[in-house]
Amino acid sequence: MFPLAVAGGTGPWRPFAVLTLGEALDGPDPDVRFDAVRHPPPQLVADGPMALFRAPAYAAAREGRAAARGEPAGR
């Protein structure tokens, strides 16, 4: 079990979830993507200097995945 926590700026860390790992599944992993810009976790807001890089980084990742699949950008 791994506790997950968040802190805003220089504020204290607040736990918001626990990650529990189970046994490995057979077969390949599904192609799952997490986009914290389009789908931020509830009540969590990007904060600090790195937040400025998040939106462009996620947009570039979306465009790269679309290009790799031969799809138009912006989907």
Protein backbone atom coordinates (compact mmCIF):
# COMPACT_ATOMS: atom_id res chain seq x y z
CA MET A 1 0.00 0.00 0.00
CA PHE A 2 1.25 3.43 -0.98
CA PRO A 3 -0.30 6.58 0.47
CA LEU A 4 -0.75 9.42 -2.05
CA ALA A 5 -0.60 13.01 -0.84
CA VAL A 6 -0.76 16.53 -2.25
CA ALA A 7 0.57 19.88 -1.05
CA GLY A 8 -0.14 23.37 -2.32
CA GLY A 9 2.85 25.69 -2.59
CA THR A 10 4.65 25.43 0.72
CA GLY A 11 1.59 24.08 2.54
CA PRO A 12 1.44 20.77 4.38
CA TRP A 13 1.03 17.42 2.62
CA ARG A 14 -2.54 16.09 2.73
CA PRO A 15 -3.31 12.43 2.01
CA PHE A 16 -6.04 11.89 -0.60
CA ALA A 17 -5.81 8.21 -1.58
CA VAL A 18 -4.05 4.90 -1.01
CA LEU A 19 -2.62 2.92 -3.91
CA THR A 20 -2.82 -0.84 -3.41
CA LEU A 21 -1.05 -3.18 -5.81
CA GLY A 22 -2.36 -6.65 -6.45
CA GLU A 23 -1.08 -9.65 -8.38
CA ALA A 24 0.14 -9.18 -11.94
CA LEU A 25 -2.49 -9.77 -14.61
CA ASP A 26 -1.92 -12.02 -17.60
CA GLY A 27 -1.64 -10.48 -21.04
CA PRO A 28 -0.56 -7.04 -22.22
CA ASP A 29 -1.58 -3.91 -20.37
CA PRO A 30 -4.33 -1.84 -22.02
CA ASP A 31 -3.37 1.47 -23.62
CA VAL A 32 -4.45 3.75 -20.76
CA ARG A 33 -3.53 7.44 -20.64
CA PHE A 34 -4.03 9.89 -17.80
CA ASP A 35 -4.45 13.55 -18.71
CA ALA A 36 -4.38 15.74 -15.62
CA VAL A 37 -5.04 18.86 -17.73
CA ARG A 38 -8.27 17.67 -19.35
CA HIS A 39 -9.34 15.52 -16.40
CA PRO A 40 -7.85 16.89 -13.16
CA PRO A 41 -8.48 14.98 -9.95
CA PRO A 42 -11.35 16.49 -7.94
CA GLN A 43 -10.33 19.39 -5.70
CA LEU A 44 -6.69 19.28 -6.88
CA VAL A 45 -5.28 22.25 -8.78
CA ALA A 46 -1.86 22.43 -10.42
CA ASP A 47 0.27 24.78 -8.36
CA GLY A 48 3.78 26.20 -8.45
CA PRO A 49 6.25 26.86 -11.24
CA MET A 50 5.91 23.41 -12.82
CA ALA A 51 2.19 24.03 -13.41
CA LEU A 52 3.18 26.41 -16.24
CA PHE A 53 4.70 23.47 -18.14
CA ARG A 54 1.90 20.98 -17.56
CA ALA A 55 -0.63 22.10 -20.21
CA PRO A 56 1.93 22.38 -23.07
CA ALA A 57 3.53 19.06 -22.09
CA TYR A 58 0.22 17.20 -22.07
CA ALA A 59 -0.80 18.84 -25.37
CA ALA A 60 2.48 17.72 -26.97
CA ALA A 61 1.98 14.19 -25.65
CA ARG A 62 -1.55 14.06 -27.11
CA GLU A 63 -0.26 15.28 -30.49
CA GLY A 64 2.59 12.75 -30.46
CA ARG A 65 0.24 9.85 -29.73
CA ALA A 66 -2.15 11.00 -32.48
CA ALA A 67 0.72 11.29 -34.98
CA ALA A 68 1.97 7.81 -34.07
CA ARG A 69 -1.50 6.43 -34.85
CA GLY A 70 -1.78 8.49 -38.06
CA GLU A 71 -4.66 10.56 -36.67
CA PRO A 72 -5.14 14.32 -36.95
CA ALA A 73 -3.96 16.36 -33.97
CA GLY A 74 -6.45 17.86 -31.55
CA ARG A 75 -8.64 14.83 -30.95
